[in-house]
C-alpha atoms as a PDB file:
ATOM      1  CA  MET A   1      16.460  31.262 -73.250  1.00  0.00           C
ATOM      2  CA  ALA A   2      19.171  33.836 -73.913  1.00  0.00           C
ATOM      3  CA  THR A   3      19.238  36.887 -71.681  1.00  0.00           C
ATOM      4  CA  GLU A   4      18.101  40.101 -73.336  1.00  0.00           C
ATOM      5  CA  PRO A   5      21.159  42.331 -73.953  1.00  0.00           C
ATOM      6  CA  LEU A   6      19.169  45.456 -73.115  1.00  0.00           C
ATOM      7  CA  LEU A   7      16.413  45.905 -70.527  1.00  0.00           C
ATOM      8  CA  TYR A   8      13.765  48.603 -70.895  1.00  0.00           C
ATOM      9  CA  GLU A   9      11.072  49.490 -68.377  1.00  0.00           C
ATOM     10  CA  LYS A  10       8.713  52.436 -68.029  1.00  0.00           C
ATOM     11  CA  LYS A  11       7.179  53.139 -64.641  1.00  0.00           C
ATOM     12  CA  ASP A  12       5.909  56.237 -62.849  1.00  0.00           C
ATOM     13  CA  HIS A  13       7.067  58.608 -65.603  1.00  0.00           C
ATOM     14  CA  ILE A  14      10.634  57.211 -65.631  1.00  0.00           C
ATOM     15  CA  ALA A  15      12.069  55.134 -68.482  1.00  0.00           C
ATOM     16  CA  ALA A  16      14.861  52.871 -67.201  1.00  0.00           C
ATOM     17  CA  ILE A  17      17.321  51.521 -69.782  1.00  0.00           C
ATOM     18  CA  THR A  18      19.920  48.966 -68.680  1.00  0.00           C
ATOM     19  CA  LEU A  19      22.769  47.662 -70.821  1.00  0.00           C
ATOM     20  CA  ASN A  20      22.708  43.959 -69.974  1.00  0.00           C
ATOM     21  CA  ARG A  21      25.850  42.163 -71.119  1.00  0.00           C
ATOM     22  CA  PRO A  22      27.730  42.024 -67.824  1.00  0.00           C
ATOM     23  CA  GLU A  23      29.886  39.074 -68.938  1.00  0.00           C
ATOM     24  CA  ALA A  24      31.358  41.405 -71.612  1.00  0.00           C
ATOM     25  CA  HIS A  25      31.402  44.566 -69.466  1.00  0.00           C
ATOM     26  CA  ASN A  26      28.290  45.690 -71.375  1.00  0.00           C
ATOM     27  CA  ALA A  27      30.239  46.157 -74.605  1.00  0.00           C
ATOM     28  CA  LEU A  28      27.866  47.341 -77.322  1.00  0.00           C
ATOM     29  CA  THR A  29      26.997  44.926 -80.120  1.00  0.00           C
ATOM     30  CA  PRO A  30      25.071  45.977 -83.237  1.00  0.00           C
ATOM     31  CA  ARG A  31      21.944  44.456 -81.724  1.00  0.00           C
ATOM     32  CA  MET A  32      22.399  46.432 -78.497  1.00  0.00           C
ATOM     33  CA  LEU A  33      22.869  49.676 -80.415  1.00  0.00           C
ATOM     34  CA  CYS A  34      19.646  49.068 -82.341  1.00  0.00           C
ATOM     35  CA  LEU A  35      17.729  48.194 -79.166  1.00  0.00           C
ATOM     36  CA  LEU A  36      19.184  51.203 -77.357  1.00  0.00           C
ATOM     37  CA  ALA A  37      18.127  53.490 -80.194  1.00  0.00           C
ATOM     38  CA  ASP A  38      14.626  51.984 -80.179  1.00  0.00           C
ATOM     39  CA  ALA A  39      14.284  52.453 -76.424  1.00  0.00           C
ATOM     40  CA  LEU A  40      15.485  56.062 -76.490  1.00  0.00           C
ATOM     41  CA  ILE A  41      13.174  56.949 -79.375  1.00  0.00           C
ATOM     42  CA  ASP A  42      10.252  55.314 -77.596  1.00  0.00           C
ATOM     43  CA  ALA A  43      11.015  57.238 -74.395  1.00  0.00           C
ATOM     44  CA  ARG A  44      11.410  60.434 -76.412  1.00  0.00           C
ATOM     45  CA  ASP A  45       8.012  60.036 -78.046  1.00  0.00           C
ATOM     46  CA  ASP A  46       6.052  58.746 -75.036  1.00  0.00           C
ATOM     47  CA  PRO A  47       4.327  61.698 -73.337  1.00  0.00           C
ATOM     48  CA  SER A  48       4.121  59.747 -70.076  1.00  0.00           C
ATOM     49  CA  VAL A  49       7.944  59.604 -69.813  1.00  0.00           C
ATOM     50  CA  ARG A  50       9.462  62.599 -68.047  1.00  0.00           C
ATOM     51  CA  ALA A  51      12.996  61.350 -67.280  1.00  0.00           C
ATOM     52  CA  ILE A  52      15.315  58.612 -68.541  1.00  0.00           C
ATOM     53  CA  LEU A  53      17.604  56.519 -66.338  1.00  0.00           C
ATOM     54  CA  LEU A  54      20.573  54.847 -68.049  1.00  0.00           C
ATOM     55  CA  ALA A  55      22.689  52.161 -66.372  1.00  0.00           C
ATOM     56  CA  GLY A  56      24.781  49.047 -66.952  1.00  0.00           C
ATOM     57  CA  SER A  57      24.161  45.713 -65.237  1.00  0.00           C
ATOM     58  CA  GLY A  58      26.573  43.585 -63.233  1.00  0.00           C
ATOM     59  CA  GLY A  59      28.195  46.248 -61.061  1.00  0.00           C
ATOM     60  CA  LYS A  60      31.576  46.053 -62.822  1.00  0.00           C
ATOM     61  CA  ALA A  61      30.913  48.243 -65.857  1.00  0.00           C
ATOM     62  CA  PHE A  62      28.595  50.905 -67.164  1.00  0.00           C
ATOM     63  CA  CYS A  63      29.863  50.205 -70.672  1.00  0.00           C
ATOM     64  CA  SER A  64      33.367  49.280 -71.834  1.00  0.00           C
ATOM     65  CA  GLY A  65      32.756  50.513 -75.397  1.00  0.00           C
ATOM     66  CA  GLY A  66      31.811  48.983 -78.708  1.00  0.00           C
ATOM     67  CA  ASP A  67      32.322  45.239 -79.012  1.00  0.00           C
ATOM     68  CA  LEU A  68      35.800  44.862 -80.541  1.00  0.00           C
ATOM     69  CA  GLY A  69      34.923  41.573 -82.177  1.00  0.00           C
ATOM     70  CA  ARG A  70      31.615  42.548 -83.743  1.00  0.00           C
ATOM     71  CA  THR A  71      30.815  46.269 -83.774  1.00  0.00           C
ATOM     72  CA  LEU A  72      34.141  47.921 -84.534  1.00  0.00           C
ATOM     73  CA  PRO A  73      35.106  45.520 -87.357  1.00  0.00           C
ATOM     74  CA  LEU A  74      31.653  46.009 -88.869  1.00  0.00           C
ATOM     75  CA  LEU A  75      31.988  49.800 -88.795  1.00  0.00           C
ATOM     76  CA  THR A  76      35.514  49.772 -90.271  1.00  0.00           C
ATOM     77  CA  GLY A  77      34.538  47.355 -93.032  1.00  0.00           C
ATOM     78  CA  ASP A  78      36.737  44.571 -91.661  1.00  0.00           C
ATOM     79  CA  ARG A  79      33.668  42.363 -91.160  1.00  0.00           C
ATOM     80  CA  ARG A  80      30.721  41.899 -93.484  1.00  0.00           C
ATOM     81  CA  PRO A  81      27.146  42.109 -92.141  1.00  0.00           C
ATOM     82  CA  GLU A  82      25.986  38.758 -90.834  1.00  0.00           C
ATOM     83  CA  ASP A  83      22.434  39.395 -89.653  1.00  0.00           C
ATOM     84  CA  ALA A  84      19.585  41.910 -89.674  1.00  0.00           C
ATOM     85  CA  TRP A  85      21.047  43.849 -86.736  1.00  0.00           C
ATOM     86  CA  ASP A  86      24.317  44.376 -88.617  1.00  0.00           C
ATOM     87  CA  GLU A  87      22.441  45.491 -91.732  1.00  0.00           C
ATOM     88  CA  ARG A  88      20.270  47.892 -89.791  1.00  0.00           C
ATOM     89  CA  LEU A  89      23.221  49.494 -88.026  1.00  0.00           C
ATOM     90  CA  LEU A  90      24.975  50.106 -91.347  1.00  0.00           C
ATOM     91  CA  THR A  91      21.976  51.306 -93.348  1.00  0.00           C
ATOM     92  CA  ASP A  92      19.937  53.323 -90.829  1.00  0.00           C
ATOM     93  CA  PRO A  93      21.805  56.501 -89.790  1.00  0.00           C
ATOM     94  CA  GLY A  94      19.187  57.122 -87.127  1.00  0.00           C
ATOM     95  CA  ILE A  95      20.513  54.203 -85.081  1.00  0.00           C
ATOM     96  CA  MET A  96      23.881  55.785 -84.327  1.00  0.00           C
ATOM     97  CA  GLN A  97      22.316  59.204 -83.823  1.00  0.00           C
ATOM     98  CA  ALA A  98      19.795  57.975 -81.269  1.00  0.00           C
ATOM     99  CA  SER A  99      22.000  55.390 -79.533  1.00  0.00           C
ATOM    100  CA  SER A 100      24.767  57.953 -78.936  1.00  0.00           C
ATOM    101  CA  LEU A 101      22.303  60.467 -77.464  1.00  0.00           C
ATOM    102  CA  CYS A 102      22.902  62.814 -80.394  1.00  0.00           C
ATOM    103  CA  ASP A 103      19.210  62.946 -81.324  1.00  0.00           C
ATOM    104  CA  PRO A 104      18.340  66.655 -81.588  1.00  0.00           C
ATOM    105  CA  GLN A 105      14.737  65.862 -80.661  1.00  0.00           C
ATOM    106  CA  LEU A 106      15.595  64.186 -77.349  1.00  0.00           C
ATOM    107  CA  HIS A 107      14.696  66.917 -74.879  1.00  0.00           C
ATOM    108  CA  LYS A 108      13.977  64.703 -71.887  1.00  0.00           C
ATOM    109  CA  PRO A 109      16.664  64.611 -69.179  1.00  0.00           C
ATOM    110  CA  VAL A 110      18.910  61.550 -68.996  1.00  0.00           C
ATOM    111  CA  VAL A 111      20.438  60.487 -65.667  1.00  0.00           C
ATOM    112  CA  ALA A 112      23.421  58.112 -65.830  1.00  0.00           C
ATOM    113  CA  ALA A 113      24.164  55.540 -63.124  1.00  0.00           C
ATOM    114  CA  VAL A 114      27.813  54.587 -63.649  1.00  0.00           C
ATOM    115  CA  THR A 115      29.504  51.681 -61.902  1.00  0.00           C
ATOM    116  CA  GLY A 116      32.989  50.509 -62.799  1.00  0.00           C
ATOM    117  CA  ILE A 117      34.269  50.795 -66.355  1.00  0.00           C
ATOM    118  CA  CYS A 118      33.040  53.667 -68.516  1.00  0.00           C
ATOM    119  CA  MET A 119      35.249  53.823 -71.574  1.00  0.00           C
ATOM    120  CA  ALA A 120      35.241  54.393 -75.347  1.00  0.00           C
ATOM    121  CA  ALA A 121      31.625  54.207 -76.565  1.00  0.00           C
ATOM    122  CA  GLY A 122      30.525  54.060 -72.926  1.00  0.00           C
ATOM    123  CA  ALA A 123      32.287  57.341 -72.177  1.00  0.00           C
ATOM    124  CA  GLU A 124      30.898  58.801 -75.405  1.00  0.00           C
ATOM    125  CA  LEU A 125      27.421  57.819 -74.288  1.00  0.00           C
ATOM    126  CA  LEU A 126      28.045  59.393 -70.882  1.00  0.00           C
ATOM    127  CA  LEU A 127      28.689  62.780 -72.489  1.00  0.00           C
ATOM    128  CA  GLY A 128      25.155  62.794 -73.885  1.00  0.00           C
ATOM    129  CA  THR A 129      23.590  62.451 -70.434  1.00  0.00           C
ATOM    130  CA  ASP A 130      22.572  65.393 -68.260  1.00  0.00           C
ATOM    131  CA  ILE A 131      23.265  64.248 -64.693  1.00  0.00           C
ATOM    132  CA  ARG A 132      25.799  61.575 -63.678  1.00  0.00           C
ATOM    133  CA  VAL A 133      26.208  59.454 -60.566  1.00  0.00           C
ATOM    134  CA  ALA A 134      29.375  57.326 -60.394  1.00  0.00           C
ATOM    135  CA  SER A 135      30.721  54.620 -58.120  1.00  0.00           C
ATOM    136  CA  MET A 136      33.986  55.128 -56.279  1.00  0.00           C
ATOM    137  CA  ASP A 137      35.641  52.486 -58.457  1.00  0.00           C
ATOM    138  CA  ALA A 138      34.461  54.022 -61.741  1.00  0.00           C
ATOM    139  CA  ARG A 139      37.065  54.667 -64.408  1.00  0.00           C
ATOM    140  CA  PHE A 140      36.619  56.859 -67.468  1.00  0.00           C
ATOM    141  CA  ALA A 141      38.572  56.936 -70.739  1.00  0.00           C
ATOM    142  CA  TRP A 142      38.398  57.781 -74.422  1.00  0.00           C
ATOM    143  CA  PRO A 143      41.079  55.298 -75.583  1.00  0.00           C
ATOM    144  CA  GLU A 144      40.228  55.237 -79.298  1.00  0.00           C
ATOM    145  CA  VAL A 145      43.473  56.912 -80.370  1.00  0.00           C
ATOM    146  CA  GLN A 146      45.408  53.973 -78.905  1.00  0.00           C
ATOM    147  CA  ARG A 147      43.608  51.672 -81.366  1.00  0.00           C
ATOM    148  CA  GLY A 148      43.971  53.804 -84.479  1.00  0.00           C
ATOM    149  CA  LEU A 149      40.500  55.297 -84.060  1.00  0.00           C
ATOM    150  CA  ILE A 150      39.057  58.608 -82.893  1.00  0.00           C
ATOM    151  CA  PRO A 151      36.408  59.445 -80.297  1.00  0.00           C
ATOM    152  CA  PHE A 152      33.101  59.978 -82.081  1.00  0.00           C
ATOM    153  CA  ALA A 153      29.357  60.047 -81.293  1.00  0.00           C
ATOM    154  CA  GLY A 154      29.738  63.730 -80.437  1.00  0.00           C
ATOM    155  CA  SER A 155      32.739  63.342 -78.137  1.00  0.00           C
ATOM    156  CA  MET A 156      35.088  65.746 -79.902  1.00  0.00           C
ATOM    157  CA  THR A 157      32.429  68.438 -79.547  1.00  0.00           C
ATOM    158  CA  ARG A 158      30.998  67.544 -76.175  1.00  0.00           C
ATOM    159  CA  LEU A 159      34.132  66.803 -74.163  1.00  0.00           C
ATOM    160  CA  PRO A 160      35.836  70.201 -74.780  1.00  0.00           C
ATOM    161  CA  ALA A 161      32.483  71.878 -74.112  1.00  0.00           C
ATOM    162  CA  GLN A 162      32.070  70.096 -70.773  1.00  0.00           C
ATOM    163  CA  LEU A 163      35.661  70.183 -69.495  1.00  0.00           C
ATOM    164  CA  PRO A 164      38.499  72.699 -69.689  1.00  0.00           C
ATOM    165  CA  PHE A 165      40.000  72.472 -73.178  1.00  0.00           C
ATOM    166  CA  CYS A 166      43.418  71.221 -72.093  1.00  0.00           C
ATOM    167  CA  GLN A 167      41.904  68.512 -69.885  1.00  0.00           C
ATOM    168  CA  ALA A 168      39.658  67.294 -72.698  1.00  0.00           C
ATOM    169  CA  MET A 169      42.559  67.235 -75.138  1.00  0.00           C
ATOM    170  CA  GLU A 170      44.767  65.254 -72.756  1.00  0.00           C
ATOM    171  CA  LEU A 171      42.050  62.633 -72.329  1.00  0.00           C
ATOM    172  CA  MET A 172      41.459  62.264 -76.067  1.00  0.00           C
ATOM    173  CA  LEU A 173      45.074  62.505 -77.257  1.00  0.00           C
ATOM    174  CA  THR A 174      46.583  60.112 -74.699  1.00  0.00           C
ATOM    175  CA  GLY A 175      43.634  57.780 -74.270  1.00  0.00           C
ATOM    176  CA  GLU A 176      44.550  57.351 -70.604  1.00  0.00           C
ATOM    177  CA  ALA A 177      41.927  56.640 -67.950  1.00  0.00           C
ATOM    178  CA  ILE A 178      40.959  58.755 -64.955  1.00  0.00           C
ATOM    179  CA  ASN A 179      39.352  57.605 -61.731  1.00  0.00           C
ATOM    180  CA  ALA A 180      36.087  58.765 -60.183  1.00  0.00           C
ATOM    181  CA  GLU A 181      37.753  61.308 -57.900  1.00  0.00           C
ATOM    182  CA  LYS A 182      39.439  62.994 -60.866  1.00  0.00           C
ATOM    183  CA  ALA A 183      36.190  62.878 -62.857  1.00  0.00           C
ATOM    184  CA  LEU A 184      34.392  64.634 -60.011  1.00  0.00           C
ATOM    185  CA  GLN A 185      37.181  67.217 -59.728  1.00  0.00           C
ATOM    186  CA  LEU A 186      36.894  67.977 -63.446  1.00  0.00           C
ATOM    187  CA  GLY A 187      33.114  68.228 -63.297  1.00  0.00           C
ATOM    188  CA  LEU A 188      32.577  65.193 -65.512  1.00  0.00           C
ATOM    189  CA  VAL A 189      30.213  63.650 -62.933  1.00  0.00           C
ATOM    190  CA  ASN A 190      27.876  65.101 -60.315  1.00  0.00           C
ATOM    191  CA  TYR A 191      28.264  62.565 -57.497  1.00  0.00           C
ATOM    192  CA  VAL A 192      30.642  59.801 -56.461  1.00  0.00           C
ATOM    193  CA  VAL A 193      29.137  57.264 -54.054  1.00  0.00           C
ATOM    194  CA  HIS A 194      29.628  53.674 -52.920  1.00  0.00           C
ATOM    195  CA  GLY A 195      28.747  51.167 -55.630  1.00  0.00           C
ATOM    196  CA  PRO A 196      25.526  49.842 -54.029  1.00  0.00           C
ATOM    197  CA  GLU A 197      24.239  53.416 -53.690  1.00  0.00           C
ATOM    198  CA  VAL A 198      24.665  54.437 -57.326  1.00  0.00           C
ATOM    199  CA  MET A 199      21.274  53.295 -58.612  1.00  0.00           C
ATOM    200  CA  ASP A 200      19.415  54.602 -55.567  1.00  0.00           C
ATOM    201  CA  VAL A 201      20.942  58.067 -55.912  1.00  0.00           C
ATOM    202  CA  ALA A 202      20.422  58.157 -59.679  1.00  0.00           C
ATOM    203  CA  ARG A 203      16.823  56.993 -59.328  1.00  0.00           C
ATOM    204  CA  ARG A 204      16.111  59.623 -56.675  1.00  0.00           C
ATOM    205  CA  ILE A 205      17.371  62.317 -59.025  1.00  0.00           C
ATOM    206  CA  ALA A 206      15.285  60.942 -61.900  1.00  0.00           C
ATOM    207  CA  ARG A 207      12.281  60.812 -59.562  1.00  0.00           C
ATOM    208  CA  ARG A 208      12.804  64.421 -58.523  1.00  0.00           C
ATOM    209  CA  ILE A 209      12.965  65.507 -62.183  1.00  0.00           C
ATOM    210  CA  ALA A 210       9.879  63.471 -63.085  1.00  0.00           C
ATOM    211  CA  ASP A 211       7.927  65.152 -60.278  1.00  0.00           C
ATOM    212  CA  ASN A 212       8.548  68.590 -61.766  1.00  0.00           C
ATOM    213  CA  ALA A 213       6.459  70.269 -64.446  1.00  0.00           C
ATOM    214  CA  PRO A 214       7.292  68.251 -67.597  1.00  0.00           C
ATOM    215  CA  LEU A 215       6.948  71.103 -70.098  1.00  0.00           C
ATOM    216  CA  ALA A 216       9.240  73.301 -68.007  1.00  0.00           C
ATOM    217  CA  VAL A 217      11.782  70.473 -67.753  1.00  0.00           C
ATOM    218  CA  VAL A 218      11.751  69.965 -71.517  1.00  0.00           C
ATOM    219  CA  GLU A 219      12.139  73.678 -72.210  1.00  0.00           C
ATOM    220  CA  ILE A 220      15.084  73.932 -69.815  1.00  0.00           C
ATOM    221  CA  LYS A 221      16.977  71.137 -71.567  1.00  0.00           C
ATOM    222  CA  LYS A 222      15.935  72.185 -75.073  1.00  0.00           C
ATOM    223  CA  THR A 223      16.845  75.844 -74.579  1.00  0.00           C
ATOM    224  CA  THR A 224      20.102  75.128 -72.765  1.00  0.00           C
ATOM    225  CA  GLN A 225      21.251  72.813 -75.557  1.00  0.00           C
ATOM    226  CA  ALA A 226      20.296  75.308 -78.251  1.00  0.00           C
ATOM    227  CA  SER A 227      22.078  78.139 -76.419  1.00  0.00           C
ATOM    228  CA  LEU A 228      25.468  76.432 -76.197  1.00  0.00           C
ATOM    229  CA  GLY A 229      28.054  78.204 -78.317  1.00  0.00           C
ATOM    230  CA  VAL A 230      25.740  80.881 -79.703  1.00  0.00           C
ATOM    231  CA  PRO A 231      26.171  84.644 -79.127  1.00  0.00           C
ATOM    232  CA  PRO A 232      24.454  85.911 -75.952  1.00  0.00           C
ATOM    233  CA  ILE A 233      21.905  88.000 -77.850  1.00  0.00           C
ATOM    234  CA  GLU A 234      20.707  84.862 -79.679  1.00  0.00           C
ATOM    235  CA  ALA A 235      20.722  82.828 -76.483  1.00  0.00           C
ATOM    236  CA  PHE A 236      18.623  85.464 -74.723  1.00  0.00           C
ATOM    237  CA  ALA A 237      16.114  85.327 -77.571  1.00  0.00           C
ATOM    238  CA  LEU A 238      15.868  81.544 -77.245  1.00  0.00           C
ATOM    239  CA  GLU A 239      15.289  81.891 -73.519  1.00  0.00           C
ATOM    240  CA  LYS A 240      12.622  84.524 -74.078  1.00  0.00           C
ATOM    241  CA  GLU A 241      10.741  82.223 -76.451  1.00  0.00           C
ATOM    242  CA  ALA A 242      10.963  79.354 -73.964  1.00  0.00           C
ATOM    243  CA  TYR A 243       9.679  81.639 -71.219  1.00  0.00           C
ATOM    244  CA  ARG A 244       6.735  82.666 -73.393  1.00  0.00           C
ATOM    245  CA  ARG A 245       5.811  79.046 -74.109  1.00  0.00           C
ATOM    246  CA  VAL A 246       6.043  77.941 -70.471  1.00  0.00           C
ATOM    247  CA  MET A 247       4.131  80.912 -69.061  1.00  0.00           C
ATOM    248  CA  ALA A 248       1.196  80.063 -71.323  1.00  0.00           C
ATOM    249  CA  THR A 249       0.808  76.550 -69.875  1.00  0.00           C
ATOM    250  CA  GLU A 250      -1.646  75.289 -67.275  1.00  0.00           C
ATOM    251  CA  ASP A 251       1.294  73.904 -65.299  1.00  0.00           C
ATOM    252  CA  ALA A 252       2.726  77.420 -64.909  1.00  0.00           C
ATOM    253  CA  ARG A 253      -0.505  78.414 -63.197  1.00  0.00           C
ATOM    254  CA  GLU A 254      -0.718  75.228 -61.144  1.00  0.00           C
ATOM    255  CA  GLY A 255       2.753  75.583 -59.585  1.00  0.00           C
ATOM    256  CA  PRO A 256       2.251  78.965 -57.837  1.00  0.00           C
ATOM    257  CA  ARG A 257      -1.355  78.060 -56.986  1.00  0.00           C
ATOM    258  CA  ALA A 258      -0.285  74.847 -55.246  1.00  0.00           C
ATOM    259  CA  PHE A 259       2.412  76.730 -53.323  1.00  0.00           C
ATOM    260  CA  MET A 260      -0.093  79.263 -52.032  1.00  0.00           C
ATOM    261  CA  GLU A 261      -2.545  76.499 -51.110  1.00  0.00           C
ATOM    262  CA  ARG A 262       0.192  74.555 -49.302  1.00  0.00           C
ATOM    263  CA  ARG A 263      -0.232  71.373 -51.328  1.00  0.00           C
ATOM    264  CA  ALA A 264       1.755  69.333 -53.784  1.00  0.00           C
ATOM    265  CA  PRO A 265       1.319  70.513 -57.377  1.00  0.00           C
ATOM    266  CA  VAL A 266      -0.403  68.259 -59.898  1.00  0.00           C
ATOM    267  CA  TYR A 267       1.349  68.760 -63.222  1.00  0.00           C
ATOM    268  CA  ARG A 268      -0.384  67.500 -66.337  1.00  0.00           C
ATOM    269  CA  GLY A 269       2.068  68.532 -69.033  1.00  0.00           C
ATOM    270  CA  ARG A 270      -0.148  71.126 -70.619  1.00  0.00           C
END
C-alpha cells in the first residue's frame, strides 16, 4: 500500500498536519495541495481545534517547493491534467487559497516545525504561519526568479511585511538561500534548535496556545491580521470591537475567576 503523502491527526485540541513525501523532500504534488487544503479547512471549521501544527516528515526537509515534474508544469500549462487531483487544482480556486494559508477565514494559529530545506512553495507556506521553530540545518529561499517564475501564494505581500524591505527584496530578487542563524537574525523564525528538538518545541508552543481561551486566541489573530497596513484609527476601532466581543464571553469571566481561586481555568470557547 502506498504511503499517504499527507498525514492529518486531531488530538487534544491540536490539528497536526505533516507533509509526507520525504523521498522528494516533501515537494508538493497536486494531490498534496488538495489534501493540505482539505485538512486546513477541516481544522478551520472544527470547533474542537484550537491550534494547528504544520511539519514535514523525514528530517531533511520541511518542504522543497512545488513538484517540478508535476505541479509547476501543470500550473504553467506545460502539462495537461492527468487525473482528478490535477483537475481539482486547476478548477477550484479555493485549493490554492487554503493550501497556501491565504484563507481569510483561517483565524486559528499555525505553528511551523521546520527541519532542513524550506524553499519556494515551502517558504511561501512558512510565511502564512504564526510561530516558527527551525532546526539548525534549516535553509530558506524564494528561488522562483532563478527559474523564470515569481514568488506567489502571498509571498510578495507577506515577506516585505515580515522583514525589512531591503532584506525581503534581496531574497526574492536573487533567489539565494539563507541559513537558520540568518533567518533568526532577520526575525523570520522564532527559535532555532537541534533537529530532534524541533517537533517537541513546536508541539509545546501549540499546546500552550491550545490551553488558552480559544475565543481570545482567535480574536488576537483575526484582529492582528485585519490591522496590518491600515491607519491607526481604523486599527484601534478593530481592536475595540474585538475587545467588546471577548469581554462578553463566559471565558473572559472564567479566566480572572480561576486566577483568584488559584486553579487552572476551564475554557469552553463561549
